[in-house]
N, C-alpha and C. Protein backbone atom coordinates (compact mmCIF):
# COMPACT_ATOMS: atom_id res chain seq x y z
N UNK A 1 5.70 2.85 -21.18
CA UNK A 1 4.52 2.42 -21.90
C UNK A 1 4.89 1.89 -23.29
N UNK A 2 5.90 2.47 -23.89
CA UNK A 2 6.30 2.03 -25.21
C UNK A 2 6.66 0.55 -25.19
N UNK A 3 7.28 0.10 -24.10
CA UNK A 3 7.63 -1.31 -23.97
C UNK A 3 6.37 -2.17 -23.94
N UNK A 4 5.33 -1.71 -23.23
CA UNK A 4 4.07 -2.44 -23.17
C UNK A 4 3.46 -2.59 -24.56
N UNK A 5 3.49 -1.52 -25.34
CA UNK A 5 2.94 -1.57 -26.69
C UNK A 5 3.75 -2.51 -27.57
N UNK A 6 5.06 -2.47 -27.41
CA UNK A 6 5.91 -3.37 -28.19
C UNK A 6 5.63 -4.82 -27.82
N UNK A 7 5.45 -5.08 -26.51
CA UNK A 7 5.14 -6.44 -26.07
C UNK A 7 3.79 -6.89 -26.62
N UNK A 8 2.80 -6.01 -26.61
CA UNK A 8 1.48 -6.35 -27.14
C UNK A 8 1.58 -6.63 -28.64
N UNK A 9 2.33 -5.81 -29.36
CA UNK A 9 2.52 -6.05 -30.79
C UNK A 9 3.15 -7.40 -31.04
N UNK A 10 4.16 -7.75 -30.25
CA UNK A 10 4.83 -9.04 -30.41
C UNK A 10 3.88 -10.19 -30.11
N UNK A 11 3.08 -10.03 -29.05
CA UNK A 11 2.12 -11.08 -28.70
C UNK A 11 1.06 -11.25 -29.79
N UNK A 12 0.60 -10.15 -30.35
CA UNK A 12 -0.40 -10.21 -31.42
C UNK A 12 0.20 -10.87 -32.65
N UNK A 13 1.45 -10.55 -32.96
CA UNK A 13 2.11 -11.17 -34.11
C UNK A 13 2.23 -12.68 -33.91
N UNK A 14 2.52 -13.09 -32.66
CA UNK A 14 2.60 -14.53 -32.36
C UNK A 14 1.24 -15.19 -32.46
N UNK A 15 0.20 -14.43 -32.15
CA UNK A 15 -1.16 -14.96 -32.14
C UNK A 15 -1.72 -15.15 -33.55
N UNK A 16 -1.30 -14.36 -34.50
CA UNK A 16 -1.88 -14.38 -35.83
C UNK A 16 -1.88 -15.75 -36.50
N UNK A 17 -0.77 -16.52 -36.51
CA UNK A 17 -0.84 -17.84 -37.16
C UNK A 17 -1.86 -18.77 -36.53
N UNK A 18 -1.96 -18.75 -35.21
CA UNK A 18 -2.93 -19.60 -34.52
C UNK A 18 -4.36 -19.17 -34.85
N UNK A 19 -4.61 -17.88 -34.86
CA UNK A 19 -5.97 -17.42 -35.15
C UNK A 19 -6.33 -17.69 -36.61
N UNK A 20 -5.34 -17.64 -37.50
CA UNK A 20 -5.61 -17.97 -38.89
C UNK A 20 -6.02 -19.43 -39.04
N UNK A 21 -5.36 -20.32 -38.29
CA UNK A 21 -5.71 -21.75 -38.34
C UNK A 21 -7.12 -21.98 -37.82
N UNK A 22 -7.48 -21.29 -36.76
CA UNK A 22 -8.83 -21.42 -36.20
C UNK A 22 -9.85 -20.90 -37.20
N UNK A 23 -9.55 -19.78 -37.82
CA UNK A 23 -10.48 -19.20 -38.78
C UNK A 23 -10.66 -20.10 -40.00
N UNK A 24 -9.60 -20.76 -40.43
CA UNK A 24 -9.72 -21.67 -41.56
C UNK A 24 -10.61 -22.86 -41.24
N UNK A 25 -10.63 -23.26 -39.98
CA UNK A 25 -11.44 -24.40 -39.56
C UNK A 25 -12.91 -24.05 -39.44
N UNK A 26 -13.23 -22.77 -39.30
CA UNK A 26 -14.62 -22.33 -39.16
C UNK A 26 -15.23 -22.02 -40.53
N UNK A 27 -16.49 -22.42 -40.71
CA UNK A 27 -17.17 -21.98 -41.93
C UNK A 27 -17.46 -20.49 -41.82
N UNK A 28 -17.19 -19.75 -42.89
CA UNK A 28 -17.40 -18.31 -42.84
C UNK A 28 -18.13 -17.83 -44.08
N UNK A 29 -18.89 -16.80 -43.87
CA UNK A 29 -19.52 -16.13 -45.00
C UNK A 29 -18.72 -14.87 -45.30
N UNK A 30 -18.94 -14.29 -46.44
CA UNK A 30 -18.24 -13.06 -46.81
C UNK A 30 -18.60 -11.93 -45.87
N UNK A 31 -19.81 -11.96 -45.31
CA UNK A 31 -20.26 -10.90 -44.42
C UNK A 31 -19.61 -10.97 -43.04
N UNK A 32 -19.17 -12.15 -42.61
CA UNK A 32 -18.62 -12.29 -41.27
C UNK A 32 -17.19 -11.76 -41.16
N UNK A 33 -16.46 -11.69 -42.25
CA UNK A 33 -15.06 -11.24 -42.21
C UNK A 33 -14.94 -9.78 -41.74
N UNK A 34 -15.67 -8.83 -42.30
CA UNK A 34 -15.56 -7.45 -41.80
C UNK A 34 -15.97 -7.34 -40.33
N UNK A 35 -17.00 -8.07 -39.95
CA UNK A 35 -17.44 -8.05 -38.56
C UNK A 35 -16.36 -8.59 -37.64
N UNK A 36 -15.70 -9.67 -38.05
CA UNK A 36 -14.64 -10.27 -37.25
C UNK A 36 -13.48 -9.28 -37.09
N UNK A 37 -13.14 -8.58 -38.17
CA UNK A 37 -12.05 -7.61 -38.11
C UNK A 37 -12.40 -6.44 -37.19
N UNK A 38 -13.64 -5.98 -37.26
CA UNK A 38 -14.07 -4.89 -36.37
C UNK A 38 -14.03 -5.33 -34.91
N UNK A 39 -14.44 -6.56 -34.67
CA UNK A 39 -14.43 -7.08 -33.31
C UNK A 39 -12.99 -7.20 -32.79
N UNK A 40 -12.06 -7.66 -33.64
CA UNK A 40 -10.66 -7.76 -33.24
C UNK A 40 -10.08 -6.38 -32.96
N UNK A 41 -10.41 -5.40 -33.81
CA UNK A 41 -9.94 -4.04 -33.61
C UNK A 41 -10.46 -3.49 -32.28
N UNK A 42 -11.71 -3.72 -31.99
CA UNK A 42 -12.28 -3.26 -30.72
C UNK A 42 -11.59 -3.92 -29.54
N UNK A 43 -11.26 -5.21 -29.66
CA UNK A 43 -10.56 -5.92 -28.60
C UNK A 43 -9.16 -5.36 -28.39
N UNK A 44 -8.48 -5.05 -29.48
CA UNK A 44 -7.13 -4.47 -29.38
C UNK A 44 -7.18 -3.09 -28.74
N UNK A 45 -8.15 -2.27 -29.17
CA UNK A 45 -8.29 -0.93 -28.59
C UNK A 45 -8.62 -1.01 -27.10
N UNK A 46 -9.45 -1.98 -26.72
CA UNK A 46 -9.78 -2.14 -25.31
C UNK A 46 -8.54 -2.56 -24.51
N UNK A 47 -7.72 -3.46 -25.08
CA UNK A 47 -6.48 -3.89 -24.41
C UNK A 47 -5.52 -2.71 -24.25
N UNK A 48 -5.42 -1.87 -25.28
CA UNK A 48 -4.56 -0.69 -25.19
C UNK A 48 -5.07 0.28 -24.13
N UNK A 49 -6.39 0.41 -24.03
CA UNK A 49 -6.98 1.25 -22.98
C UNK A 49 -6.66 0.73 -21.59
N UNK A 50 -6.72 -0.60 -21.43
CA UNK A 50 -6.36 -1.19 -20.14
C UNK A 50 -4.89 -0.95 -19.83
N UNK A 51 -4.04 -0.97 -20.86
CA UNK A 51 -2.62 -0.66 -20.65
C UNK A 51 -2.46 0.77 -20.15
N UNK A 52 -3.16 1.70 -20.78
CA UNK A 52 -3.08 3.11 -20.38
C UNK A 52 -3.53 3.30 -18.94
N UNK A 53 -4.55 2.56 -18.52
CA UNK A 53 -5.09 2.69 -17.16
C UNK A 53 -4.31 1.87 -16.14
N UNK A 54 -3.39 1.04 -16.62
CA UNK A 54 -2.61 0.21 -15.70
C UNK A 54 -3.34 -1.05 -15.26
N UNK A 55 -4.40 -1.41 -15.97
CA UNK A 55 -5.16 -2.59 -15.57
C UNK A 55 -5.01 -3.75 -16.56
N UNK A 56 -4.10 -3.62 -17.54
CA UNK A 56 -3.86 -4.70 -18.48
C UNK A 56 -3.34 -5.92 -17.74
N UNK A 57 -3.88 -7.08 -18.08
CA UNK A 57 -3.45 -8.32 -17.44
C UNK A 57 -4.29 -8.68 -16.23
N UNK A 58 -5.29 -7.87 -15.93
CA UNK A 58 -6.21 -8.15 -14.84
C UNK A 58 -7.61 -8.35 -15.39
N UNK A 59 -8.34 -9.29 -14.83
CA UNK A 59 -9.70 -9.58 -15.27
C UNK A 59 -10.58 -8.35 -15.06
N UNK A 60 -11.34 -7.98 -16.09
CA UNK A 60 -12.21 -6.81 -15.99
C UNK A 60 -13.42 -7.08 -15.10
N UNK A 61 -13.70 -8.34 -14.82
CA UNK A 61 -14.84 -8.67 -13.97
C UNK A 61 -14.46 -8.75 -12.50
N UNK A 62 -13.46 -9.57 -12.18
CA UNK A 62 -13.15 -9.82 -10.76
C UNK A 62 -11.85 -9.19 -10.30
N UNK A 63 -11.04 -8.69 -11.23
CA UNK A 63 -9.81 -8.00 -10.86
C UNK A 63 -8.60 -8.89 -10.59
N UNK A 64 -8.77 -10.20 -10.72
CA UNK A 64 -7.62 -11.08 -10.49
C UNK A 64 -6.67 -11.01 -11.68
N UNK A 65 -5.41 -11.31 -11.41
CA UNK A 65 -4.41 -11.27 -12.48
C UNK A 65 -4.65 -12.44 -13.43
N UNK A 66 -4.62 -12.15 -14.73
CA UNK A 66 -4.79 -13.17 -15.76
C UNK A 66 -3.46 -13.87 -15.95
N UNK A 67 -3.50 -15.19 -16.05
CA UNK A 67 -2.30 -15.99 -16.22
C UNK A 67 -1.51 -15.53 -17.44
N UNK A 68 -0.19 -15.40 -17.30
CA UNK A 68 0.67 -14.90 -18.38
C UNK A 68 0.59 -15.79 -19.61
N UNK A 69 0.45 -17.10 -19.43
CA UNK A 69 0.36 -17.99 -20.57
C UNK A 69 -0.94 -17.73 -21.35
N UNK A 70 -2.00 -17.38 -20.64
CA UNK A 70 -3.27 -17.03 -21.29
C UNK A 70 -3.10 -15.75 -22.11
N UNK A 71 -2.38 -14.78 -21.54
CA UNK A 71 -2.14 -13.53 -22.26
C UNK A 71 -1.23 -13.75 -23.46
N UNK A 72 -0.27 -14.65 -23.33
CA UNK A 72 0.59 -14.95 -24.48
C UNK A 72 -0.20 -15.60 -25.60
N UNK A 73 -1.14 -16.44 -25.24
CA UNK A 73 -1.97 -17.11 -26.24
C UNK A 73 -2.94 -16.15 -26.90
N UNK A 74 -3.45 -15.19 -26.12
CA UNK A 74 -4.41 -14.21 -26.64
C UNK A 74 -4.23 -12.90 -25.88
N UNK A 75 -3.39 -12.00 -26.38
CA UNK A 75 -3.05 -10.78 -25.64
C UNK A 75 -4.21 -9.80 -25.44
N UNK A 76 -5.31 -9.99 -26.12
CA UNK A 76 -6.43 -9.07 -25.94
C UNK A 76 -7.48 -9.63 -24.97
N UNK A 77 -7.20 -10.78 -24.38
CA UNK A 77 -8.15 -11.39 -23.45
C UNK A 77 -8.39 -10.43 -22.27
N UNK A 78 -9.65 -10.36 -21.84
CA UNK A 78 -10.00 -9.41 -20.78
C UNK A 78 -10.55 -10.07 -19.53
N UNK A 79 -10.72 -11.39 -19.57
CA UNK A 79 -11.30 -12.10 -18.43
C UNK A 79 -10.41 -13.27 -18.01
N UNK A 80 -10.42 -13.58 -16.73
CA UNK A 80 -9.75 -14.78 -16.25
C UNK A 80 -10.58 -15.98 -16.71
N UNK A 81 -9.99 -17.16 -16.61
CA UNK A 81 -10.71 -18.36 -17.04
C UNK A 81 -12.00 -18.57 -16.25
N UNK A 82 -11.94 -18.30 -14.94
CA UNK A 82 -13.14 -18.50 -14.11
C UNK A 82 -14.30 -17.62 -14.58
N UNK A 83 -14.01 -16.35 -14.86
CA UNK A 83 -15.07 -15.43 -15.27
C UNK A 83 -15.55 -15.71 -16.69
N UNK A 84 -14.68 -16.28 -17.50
CA UNK A 84 -15.06 -16.57 -18.88
C UNK A 84 -15.98 -17.79 -18.96
N UNK A 85 -15.86 -18.67 -17.99
CA UNK A 85 -16.69 -19.88 -18.02
C UNK A 85 -18.15 -19.50 -17.81
N UNK A 86 -18.92 -19.70 -18.81
CA UNK A 86 -20.34 -19.34 -18.75
C UNK A 86 -21.11 -20.45 -18.05
N UNK A 87 -21.96 -20.05 -17.14
CA UNK A 87 -22.81 -21.02 -16.46
C UNK A 87 -22.15 -21.76 -15.32
N UNK A 88 -20.98 -21.32 -14.88
CA UNK A 88 -20.32 -21.96 -13.76
C UNK A 88 -21.03 -21.54 -12.48
N UNK A 89 -21.81 -22.44 -11.84
CA UNK A 89 -22.61 -22.06 -10.67
C UNK A 89 -21.77 -21.62 -9.48
N UNK A 90 -20.55 -22.11 -9.37
CA UNK A 90 -19.69 -21.72 -8.25
C UNK A 90 -19.22 -20.29 -8.41
N UNK A 91 -19.01 -19.87 -9.65
CA UNK A 91 -18.43 -18.55 -9.90
C UNK A 91 -19.48 -17.50 -10.23
N UNK A 92 -20.70 -17.89 -10.48
CA UNK A 92 -21.73 -16.92 -10.86
C UNK A 92 -21.96 -15.92 -9.73
N UNK A 93 -22.02 -14.66 -10.11
CA UNK A 93 -22.35 -13.61 -9.15
C UNK A 93 -21.17 -13.08 -8.37
N UNK A 94 -20.05 -13.80 -8.35
CA UNK A 94 -18.94 -13.33 -7.53
C UNK A 94 -18.28 -12.11 -8.15
N UNK A 95 -18.46 -11.91 -9.42
CA UNK A 95 -17.75 -10.84 -10.11
C UNK A 95 -18.48 -9.51 -10.07
N UNK A 96 -19.67 -9.46 -9.54
CA UNK A 96 -20.42 -8.22 -9.54
C UNK A 96 -19.84 -7.21 -8.56
N UNK A 97 -19.01 -7.66 -7.62
CA UNK A 97 -18.41 -6.78 -6.63
C UNK A 97 -16.99 -6.39 -7.01
N UNK A 98 -16.62 -6.58 -8.25
CA UNK A 98 -15.24 -6.38 -8.68
C UNK A 98 -14.83 -4.93 -8.58
N UNK A 99 -13.53 -4.76 -8.38
CA UNK A 99 -12.95 -3.42 -8.42
C UNK A 99 -11.82 -3.43 -9.42
N UNK A 100 -11.63 -2.30 -10.07
CA UNK A 100 -10.57 -2.17 -11.06
C UNK A 100 -9.26 -1.99 -10.32
N UNK A 101 -8.23 -2.82 -10.60
CA UNK A 101 -6.96 -2.70 -9.89
C UNK A 101 -6.25 -1.38 -10.14
N UNK A 102 -6.68 -0.61 -11.13
CA UNK A 102 -6.04 0.68 -11.40
C UNK A 102 -6.62 1.80 -10.53
N UNK A 103 -7.68 1.49 -9.75
CA UNK A 103 -8.29 2.52 -8.87
C UNK A 103 -7.35 2.93 -7.77
């Protein structure tokens, strides 16, 4: 497990410069910064929980494996691209029958 945590730390460190660039491009108020940090902390804690349960790297909705390049870009991502796409009529409803791969 220690290796998983080290890998997650390395991925998050790689992600920081990209997320900083995105944040600089967005207009922000002083009130949104603490909220953004809390949201990131919650995402990291959720990713660590998935690591503990053995379900890290799998979509929390449909259970399919998340592409490694997607995880490298954002190690706290919890959904596959299909499930993340909002309003996709082909994919809507398919995820309600999901099972956790750690079961």
